[in-house]
PDB file of N, CA and C in Angstrom:
ATOM      1  N   MET A   1      -9.075  -2.524  -5.147  1.00  0.00           N
ATOM      2  CA  MET A   1      -8.497  -1.549  -4.125  1.00  0.00           C
ATOM      3  C   MET A   1      -7.138  -2.755  -3.767  1.00  0.00           C
ATOM      4  N   ALA A   2      -6.780  -2.424  -2.792  1.00  0.00           N
ATOM      5  CA  ALA A   2      -5.190  -3.399  -2.172  1.00  0.00           C
ATOM      6  C   ALA A   2      -5.966  -5.008  -1.907  1.00  0.00           C
ATOM      7  N   GLY A   3      -4.671  -5.434  -2.093  1.00  0.00           N
ATOM      8  CA  GLY A   3      -5.037  -7.066  -1.236  1.00  0.00           C
ATOM      9  C   GLY A   3      -3.591  -7.061  -0.491  1.00  0.00           C
ATOM     10  N   LEU A   4      -4.490  -8.286   0.361  1.00  0.00           N
ATOM     11  CA  LEU A   4      -3.406  -8.754   0.974  1.00  0.00           C
ATOM     12  C   LEU A   4      -3.008 -10.070   0.484  1.00  0.00           C
ATOM     13  N   ALA A   5      -1.319 -10.794   0.282  1.00  0.00           N
ATOM     14  CA  ALA A   5      -1.135 -11.855  -0.079  1.00  0.00           C
ATOM     15  C   ALA A   5      -1.133 -12.652   1.225  1.00  0.00           C
ATOM     16  N   LYS A   6      -0.701 -11.752   2.586  1.00  0.00           N
ATOM     17  CA  LYS A   6      -0.168 -12.414   3.407  1.00  0.00           C
ATOM     18  C   LYS A   6      -0.335 -11.324   4.165  1.00  0.00           C
ATOM     19  N   ALA A   7      -0.253 -11.428   5.831  1.00  0.00           N
ATOM     20  CA  ALA A   7      -0.521 -10.558   6.746  1.00  0.00           C
ATOM     21  C   ALA A   7       0.392  -9.925   6.422  1.00  0.00           C
ATOM     22  N   GLY A   8       0.108  -8.337   6.129  1.00  0.00           N
ATOM     23  CA  GLY A   8       0.954  -6.963   6.174  1.00  0.00           C
ATOM     24  C   GLY A   8       1.584  -6.980   4.973  1.00  0.00           C
ATOM     25  N   ASP A   9       1.014  -7.728   3.936  1.00  0.00           N
ATOM     26  CA  ASP A   9       1.710  -7.190   2.667  1.00  0.00           C
ATOM     27  C   ASP A   9       0.687  -6.527   1.966  1.00  0.00           C
ATOM     28  N   ILE A  10       0.929  -5.320   1.674  1.00  0.00           N
ATOM     29  CA  ILE A  10      -0.222  -4.899   0.968  1.00  0.00           C
ATOM     30  C   ILE A  10       0.299  -4.324  -0.626  1.00  0.00           C
ATOM     31  N   ARG A  11      -0.601  -5.237  -1.551  1.00  0.00           N
ATOM     32  CA  ARG A  11      -0.365  -5.217  -2.721  1.00  0.00           C
ATOM     33  C   ARG A  11      -1.252  -4.407  -3.685  1.00  0.00           C
ATOM     34  N   ALA A  12      -1.206  -3.995  -4.865  1.00  0.00           N
ATOM     35  CA  ALA A  12      -2.084  -3.280  -5.935  1.00  0.00           C
ATOM     36  C   ALA A  12      -3.339  -4.355  -5.908  1.00  0.00           C
ATOM     37  N   GLY A  13      -4.260  -3.879  -6.458  1.00  0.00           N
ATOM     38  CA  GLY A  13      -5.435  -4.442  -6.499  1.00  0.00           C
ATOM     39  C   GLY A  13      -5.801  -4.249  -8.015  1.00  0.00           C
ATOM     40  N   PHE A  14      -5.244  -3.300  -8.759  1.00  0.00           N
ATOM     41  CA  PHE A  14      -5.258  -3.687 -10.393  1.00  0.00           C
ATOM     42  C   PHE A  14      -4.231  -2.844 -10.678  1.00  0.00           C
ATOM     43  N   SER A  15      -4.323  -2.652 -11.940  1.00  0.00           N
ATOM     44  CA  SER A  15      -3.063  -2.147 -13.168  1.00  0.00           C
ATOM     45  C   SER A  15      -3.075  -0.830 -12.787  1.00  0.00           C
ATOM     46  N   GLY A  16      -2.187   0.058 -12.509  1.00  0.00           N
ATOM     47  CA  GLY A  16      -2.074   1.611 -12.279  1.00  0.00           C
ATOM     48  C   GLY A  16      -0.538   2.218 -11.982  1.00  0.00           C
ATOM     49  N   ASN A  17      -0.305   3.181 -11.669  1.00  0.00           N
ATOM     50  CA  ASN A  17       0.679   4.263 -11.671  1.00  0.00           C
ATOM     51  C   ASN A  17       0.596   4.294 -10.028  1.00  0.00           C
ATOM     52  N   VAL A  18       1.729   4.121  -9.298  1.00  0.00           N
ATOM     53  CA  VAL A  18       1.633   5.167  -8.022  1.00  0.00           C
ATOM     54  C   VAL A  18       1.994   6.330  -8.371  1.00  0.00           C
ATOM     55  N   CYS A  19       1.006   7.106  -7.391  1.00  0.00           N
ATOM     56  CA  CYS A  19       0.886   8.532  -7.613  1.00  0.00           C
ATOM     57  C   CYS A  19       1.474   9.252  -6.251  1.00  0.00           C
ATOM     58  N   GLU A  20       1.378   8.370  -5.327  1.00  0.00           N
ATOM     59  CA  GLU A  20       1.537   9.196  -3.943  1.00  0.00           C
ATOM     60  C   GLU A  20       1.892   7.824  -3.175  1.00  0.00           C
ATOM     61  N   ILE A  21       3.187   7.815  -1.899  1.00  0.00           N
ATOM     62  CA  ILE A  21       3.457   7.172  -1.050  1.00  0.00           C
ATOM     63  C   ILE A  21       3.436   7.648  -0.073  1.00  0.00           C
ATOM     64  N   SER A  22       2.329   7.314   0.894  1.00  0.00           N
ATOM     65  CA  SER A  22       1.372   8.396   1.931  1.00  0.00           C
ATOM     66  C   SER A  22       2.147   7.762   3.552  1.00  0.00           C
ATOM     67  N   VAL A  23       2.810   7.178   3.442  1.00  0.00           N
ATOM     68  CA  VAL A  23       3.660   6.650   4.491  1.00  0.00           C
ATOM     69  C   VAL A  23       4.998   6.286   4.665  1.00  0.00           C
ATOM     70  N   GLU A  24       6.071   6.637   5.793  1.00  0.00           N
ATOM     71  CA  GLU A  24       7.442   6.084   5.327  1.00  0.00           C
ATOM     72  C   GLU A  24       7.816   5.124   6.274  1.00  0.00           C
ATOM     73  N   ALA A  25       9.056   4.265   6.089  1.00  0.00           N
ATOM     74  CA  ALA A  25       9.475   3.104   6.974  1.00  0.00           C
ATOM     75  C   ALA A  25       9.541   3.428   8.119  1.00  0.00           C
ATOM     76  N   GLY A  26       8.753   2.868   9.386  1.00  0.00           N
ATOM     77  CA  GLY A  26       8.860   2.723  10.409  1.00  0.00           C
ATOM     78  C   GLY A  26       7.644   3.638  11.214  1.00  0.00           C
ATOM     79  N   GLN A  27       7.221   3.998  10.217  1.00  0.00           N
ATOM     80  CA  GLN A  27       5.494   5.117  10.636  1.00  0.00           C
ATOM     81  C   GLN A  27       4.670   3.876  11.415  1.00  0.00           C
ATOM     82  N   ASP A  28       3.950   4.121  12.100  1.00  0.00           N
ATOM     83  CA  ASP A  28       2.707   3.621  12.749  1.00  0.00           C
ATOM     84  C   ASP A  28       1.817   3.421  12.027  1.00  0.00           C
ATOM     85  N   VAL A  29       0.586   2.632  11.206  1.00  0.00           N
ATOM     86  CA  VAL A  29      -0.244   2.876  10.828  1.00  0.00           C
ATOM     87  C   VAL A  29      -1.704   2.003  11.273  1.00  0.00           C
ATOM     88  N   ALA A  30      -2.624   2.665  11.214  1.00  0.00           N
ATOM     89  CA  ALA A  30      -3.870   2.024  11.980  1.00  0.00           C
ATOM     90  C   ALA A  30      -5.086   1.412  10.680  1.00  0.00           C
ATOM     91  N   VAL A  31      -5.401   0.099  10.974  1.00  0.00           N
ATOM     92  CA  VAL A  31      -6.646  -0.344   9.916  1.00  0.00           C
ATOM     93  C   VAL A  31      -7.067   0.885   9.425  1.00  0.00           C
ATOM     94  N   GLY A  32      -7.103   1.042   8.134  1.00  0.00           N
ATOM     95  CA  GLY A  32      -7.995   2.067   7.562  1.00  0.00           C
ATOM     96  C   GLY A  32      -7.344   3.434   6.835  1.00  0.00           C
ATOM     97  N   ASP A  33      -6.128   3.491   7.369  1.00  0.00           N
ATOM     98  CA  ASP A  33      -5.075   4.629   6.892  1.00  0.00           C
ATOM     99  C   ASP A  33      -4.871   4.465   5.485  1.00  0.00           C
ATOM    100  N   ARG A  34      -4.789   5.844   4.638  1.00  0.00           N
ATOM    101  CA  ARG A  34      -4.341   5.944   3.537  1.00  0.00           C
ATOM    102  C   ARG A  34      -2.823   5.363   3.629  1.00  0.00           C
ATOM    103  N   VAL A  35      -1.897   4.526   2.805  1.00  0.00           N
ATOM    104  CA  VAL A  35      -1.157   4.515   2.513  1.00  0.00           C
ATOM    105  C   VAL A  35      -0.311   4.795   1.427  1.00  0.00           C
ATOM    106  N   ALA A  36      -1.154   4.698   0.772  1.00  0.00           N
ATOM    107  CA  ALA A  36      -0.687   5.188  -1.083  1.00  0.00           C
ATOM    108  C   ALA A  36      -1.995   5.501  -2.240  1.00  0.00           C
ATOM    109  N   ILE A  37      -1.749   5.841  -3.004  1.00  0.00           N
ATOM    110  CA  ILE A  37      -2.756   6.284  -3.913  1.00  0.00           C
ATOM    111  C   ILE A  37      -1.936   5.628  -5.491  1.00  0.00           C
ATOM    112  N   LEU A  38      -3.125   4.937  -5.768  1.00  0.00           N
ATOM    113  CA  LEU A  38      -2.732   4.485  -7.378  1.00  0.00           C
ATOM    114  C   LEU A  38      -3.950   5.372  -8.386  1.00  0.00           C
ATOM    115  N   GLU A  39      -3.421   5.633  -9.421  1.00  0.00           N
ATOM    116  CA  GLU A  39      -3.859   6.243 -10.498  1.00  0.00           C
ATOM    117  C   GLU A  39      -4.069   4.968 -11.610  1.00  0.00           C
ATOM    118  N   ALA A  40      -5.042   5.179 -12.248  1.00  0.00           N
ATOM    119  CA  ALA A  40      -5.667   4.331 -13.287  1.00  0.00           C
ATOM    120  C   ALA A  40      -6.966   4.995 -14.165  1.00  0.00           C
ATOM    121  N   MET A  41      -6.629   5.199 -15.352  1.00  0.00           N
ATOM    122  CA  MET A  41      -7.596   5.926 -16.709  1.00  0.00           C
ATOM    123  C   MET A  41      -7.978   7.509 -15.835  1.00  0.00           C
ATOM    124  N   LYS A  42      -7.086   8.100 -15.310  1.00  0.00           N
ATOM    125  CA  LYS A  42      -7.024   9.486 -14.726  1.00  0.00           C
ATOM    126  C   LYS A  42      -8.003   9.433 -13.288  1.00  0.00           C
ATOM    127  N   MET A  43      -8.174   8.653 -12.838  1.00  0.00           N
ATOM    128  CA  MET A  43      -8.824   8.331 -11.515  1.00  0.00           C
ATOM    129  C   MET A  43      -7.865   7.463 -10.242  1.00  0.00           C
ATOM    130  N   GLN A  44      -7.921   8.578  -9.586  1.00  0.00           N
ATOM    131  CA  GLN A  44      -6.886   8.653  -8.272  1.00  0.00           C
ATOM    132  C   GLN A  44      -7.648   7.403  -7.594  1.00  0.00           C
ATOM    133  N   THR A  45      -7.105   6.294  -6.536  1.00  0.00           N
ATOM    134  CA  THR A  45      -7.870   5.500  -5.712  1.00  0.00           C
ATOM    135  C   THR A  45      -6.868   5.133  -4.790  1.00  0.00           C
ATOM    136  N   PRO A  46      -7.321   5.829  -3.204  1.00  0.00           N
ATOM    137  CA  PRO A  46      -6.445   5.357  -2.190  1.00  0.00           C
ATOM    138  C   PRO A  46      -6.048   3.842  -1.697  1.00  0.00           C
ATOM    139  N   VAL A  47      -5.078   3.797  -1.459  1.00  0.00           N
ATOM    140  CA  VAL A  47      -5.290   2.190  -1.075  1.00  0.00           C
ATOM    141  C   VAL A  47      -4.495   2.561   0.609  1.00  0.00           C
ATOM    142  N   VAL A  48      -5.745   1.319   1.210  1.00  0.00           N
ATOM    143  CA  VAL A  48      -5.617   1.902   2.447  1.00  0.00           C
ATOM    144  C   VAL A  48      -5.080   0.738   3.429  1.00  0.00           C
ATOM    145  N   SER A  49      -4.630   0.630   4.467  1.00  0.00           N
ATOM    146  CA  SER A  49      -3.778  -0.422   5.278  1.00  0.00           C
ATOM    147  C   SER A  49      -5.405  -1.252   5.856  1.00  0.00           C
ATOM    148  N   GLU A  50      -4.901  -2.510   5.724  1.00  0.00           N
ATOM    149  CA  GLU A  50      -5.852  -3.629   6.365  1.00  0.00           C
ATOM    150  C   GLU A  50      -5.421  -4.616   7.647  1.00  0.00           C
ATOM    151  N   VAL A  51      -4.603  -3.674   7.928  1.00  0.00           N
ATOM    152  CA  VAL A  51      -3.656  -4.222   9.173  1.00  0.00           C
ATOM    153  C   VAL A  51      -3.303  -3.036   9.961  1.00  0.00           C
ATOM    154  N   ALA A  52      -3.043  -3.242  11.703  1.00  0.00           N
ATOM    155  CA  ALA A  52      -2.358  -2.068  12.126  1.00  0.00           C
ATOM    156  C   ALA A  52      -0.954  -2.425  12.460  1.00  0.00           C
ATOM    157  N   GLY A  53      -0.067  -1.856  12.512  1.00  0.00           N
ATOM    158  CA  GLY A  53       0.919  -2.187  12.930  1.00  0.00           C
ATOM    159  C   GLY A  53       2.057  -1.059  12.148  1.00  0.00           C
ATOM    160  N   LYS A  54       3.127  -1.462  12.219  1.00  0.00           N
ATOM    161  CA  LYS A  54       4.665  -0.485  11.419  1.00  0.00           C
ATOM    162  C   LYS A  54       5.357  -0.924  10.275  1.00  0.00           C
ATOM    163  N   VAL A  55       5.106   0.306   9.521  1.00  0.00           N
ATOM    164  CA  VAL A  55       5.703  -0.017   8.187  1.00  0.00           C
ATOM    165  C   VAL A  55       6.973  -0.325   8.090  1.00  0.00           C
ATOM    166  N   VAL A  56       7.585  -1.836   7.319  1.00  0.00           N
ATOM    167  CA  VAL A  56       8.619  -2.089   7.803  1.00  0.00           C
ATOM    168  C   VAL A  56       9.451  -1.830   6.502  1.00  0.00           C
ATOM    169  N   LYS A  57       8.818  -2.060   4.991  1.00  0.00           N
ATOM    170  CA  LYS A  57       9.774  -1.850   3.842  1.00  0.00           C
ATOM    171  C   LYS A  57       8.448  -1.184   2.596  1.00  0.00           C
ATOM    172  N   ILE A  58       9.087  -0.275   2.147  1.00  0.00           N
ATOM    173  CA  ILE A  58       8.216   0.107   0.767  1.00  0.00           C
ATOM    174  C   ILE A  58       8.803  -0.519  -0.237  1.00  0.00           C
ATOM    175  N   SER A  59       8.282  -0.993  -0.982  1.00  0.00           N
ATOM    176  CA  SER A  59       8.730  -1.853  -2.211  1.00  0.00           C
ATOM    177  C   SER A  59       8.331  -1.102  -3.693  1.00  0.00           C
ATOM    178  N   ALA A  60       7.318   0.252  -3.777  1.00  0.00           N
ATOM    179  CA  ALA A  60       6.926   0.689  -4.730  1.00  0.00           C
ATOM    180  C   ALA A  60       7.446   2.045  -4.677  1.00  0.00           C
ATOM    181  N   LYS A  61       7.593   2.832  -5.798  1.00  0.00           N
ATOM    182  CA  LYS A  61       7.989   4.194  -5.918  1.00  0.00           C
ATOM    183  C   LYS A  61       6.902   4.750  -6.689  1.00  0.00           C
ATOM    184  N   VAL A  62       6.957   6.427  -6.428  1.00  0.00           N
ATOM    185  CA  VAL A  62       5.984   7.385  -6.904  1.00  0.00           C
ATOM    186  C   VAL A  62       6.297   6.951  -8.781  1.00  0.00           C
ATOM    187  N   GLY A  63       5.566   6.698  -9.675  1.00  0.00           N
ATOM    188  CA  GLY A  63       5.450   7.100 -10.888  1.00  0.00           C
ATOM    189  C   GLY A  63       5.533   5.428 -11.182  1.00  0.00           C
ATOM    190  N   GLN A  64       5.908   4.575 -10.993  1.00  0.00           N
ATOM    191  CA  GLN A  64       5.923   3.083 -11.045  1.00  0.00           C
ATOM    192  C   GLN A  64       4.430   2.637 -11.844  1.00  0.00           C
ATOM    193  N   ALA A  65       4.832   1.705 -12.257  1.00  0.00           N
ATOM    194  CA  ALA A  65       3.713   1.092 -12.945  1.00  0.00           C
ATOM    195  C   ALA A  65       3.555  -0.378 -11.818  1.00  0.00           C
ATOM    196  N   LEU A  66       2.556  -0.743 -11.958  1.00  0.00           N
ATOM    197  CA  LEU A  66       1.972  -1.566 -10.937  1.00  0.00           C
ATOM    198  C   LEU A  66       1.127  -2.379 -11.736  1.00  0.00           C
ATOM    199  N   GLN A  67       1.468  -3.913 -11.626  1.00  0.00           N
ATOM    200  CA  GLN A  67      -0.029  -4.851 -11.990  1.00  0.00           C
ATOM    201  C   GLN A  67      -0.204  -5.875 -10.713  1.00  0.00           C
ATOM    202  N   PRO A  68      -1.728  -6.176 -11.098  1.00  0.00           N
ATOM    203  CA  PRO A  68      -2.294  -6.718  -9.829  1.00  0.00           C
ATOM    204  C   PRO A  68      -1.419  -7.744  -9.496  1.00  0.00           C
ATOM    205  N   GLY A  69      -1.416  -7.395  -7.707  1.00  0.00           N
ATOM    206  CA  GLY A  69      -0.676  -8.251  -7.288  1.00  0.00           C
ATOM    207  C   GLY A  69       0.718  -8.023  -6.776  1.00  0.00           C
ATOM    208  N   ASP A  70       1.163  -7.067  -7.527  1.00  0.00           N
ATOM    209  CA  ASP A  70       2.410  -6.359  -7.041  1.00  0.00           C
ATOM    210  C   ASP A  70       2.332  -5.558  -5.585  1.00  0.00           C
ATOM    211  N   LYS A  71       3.719  -5.648  -4.920  1.00  0.00           N
ATOM    212  CA  LYS A  71       3.522  -5.224  -3.759  1.00  0.00           C
ATOM    213  C   LYS A  71       3.852  -3.551  -3.446  1.00  0.00           C
ATOM    214  N   ILE A  72       3.104  -3.342  -2.734  1.00  0.00           N
ATOM    215  CA  ILE A  72       3.608  -1.808  -2.561  1.00  0.00           C
ATOM    216  C   ILE A  72       4.472  -1.449  -1.535  1.00  0.00           C
ATOM    217  N   LEU A  73       3.797  -2.376  -0.508  1.00  0.00           N
ATOM    218  CA  LEU A  73       4.525  -2.128   0.974  1.00  0.00           C
ATOM    219  C   LEU A  73       4.600  -3.086   2.012  1.00  0.00           C
ATOM    220  N   LYS A  74       5.303  -3.036   3.046  1.00  0.00           N
ATOM    221  CA  LYS A  74       5.310  -4.429   4.081  1.00  0.00           C
ATOM    222  C   LYS A  74       4.533  -3.857   4.889  1.00  0.00           C
ATOM    223  N   ILE A  75       3.784  -4.155   5.894  1.00  0.00           N
ATOM    224  CA  ILE A  75       3.576  -3.403   7.298  1.00  0.00           C
ATOM    225  C   ILE A  75       4.122  -4.945   8.588  1.00  0.00           C
ATOM    226  N   ASP A  76       4.424  -4.828   9.465  1.00  0.00           N
ATOM    227  CA  ASP A  76       4.414  -5.568  10.638  1.00  0.00           C
ATOM    228  C   ASP A  76       3.623  -5.376  11.791  1.00  0.00           C
ATOM    229  N   PRO A  77       2.687  -6.558  11.236  1.00  0.00           N
ATOM    230  CA  PRO A  77       1.341  -6.027  12.086  1.00  0.00           C
ATOM    231  C   PRO A  77       1.581  -6.224  13.559  1.00  0.00           C
ATOM    232  N   GLU A  78       0.792  -5.249  14.656  1.00  0.00           N
ATOM    233  CA  GLU A  78       0.952  -5.223  15.648  1.00  0.00           C
ATOM    234  C   GLU A  78       0.492  -6.606  16.393  1.00  0.00           C
ATOM    235  N   LYS A  79       1.237  -7.177  17.494  1.00  0.00           N
ATOM    236  CA  LYS A  79       0.450  -8.264  17.858  1.00  0.00           C
ATOM    237  C   LYS A  79      -0.703  -7.969  18.985  1.00  0.00           C
ATOM    238  N   GLU A  80      -1.687  -9.597  18.790  1.00  0.00           N
ATOM    239  CA  GLU A  80      -2.884  -8.808  19.710  1.00  0.00           C
ATOM    240  C   GLU A  80      -2.667  -9.435  21.149  1.00  0.00           C
TER     241      GLU A  80
END
């Protein structure tokens, strides 16, 4: 699935193409919210947020090929 390089960075966990970006910059997300869908070998896999906060930057585009570790988007985590 997705991985976090540091708090708020949502990265590809495997090689695949971006099918959908499910959020917009400025949108609030909760833990477990779907933020994107990646496709590999005709299987679509949802990418979910591992932190709650606000989407501050979307780095990937629909149709883009990603490698493991490539950044999909950045979330500014909520302060506890």
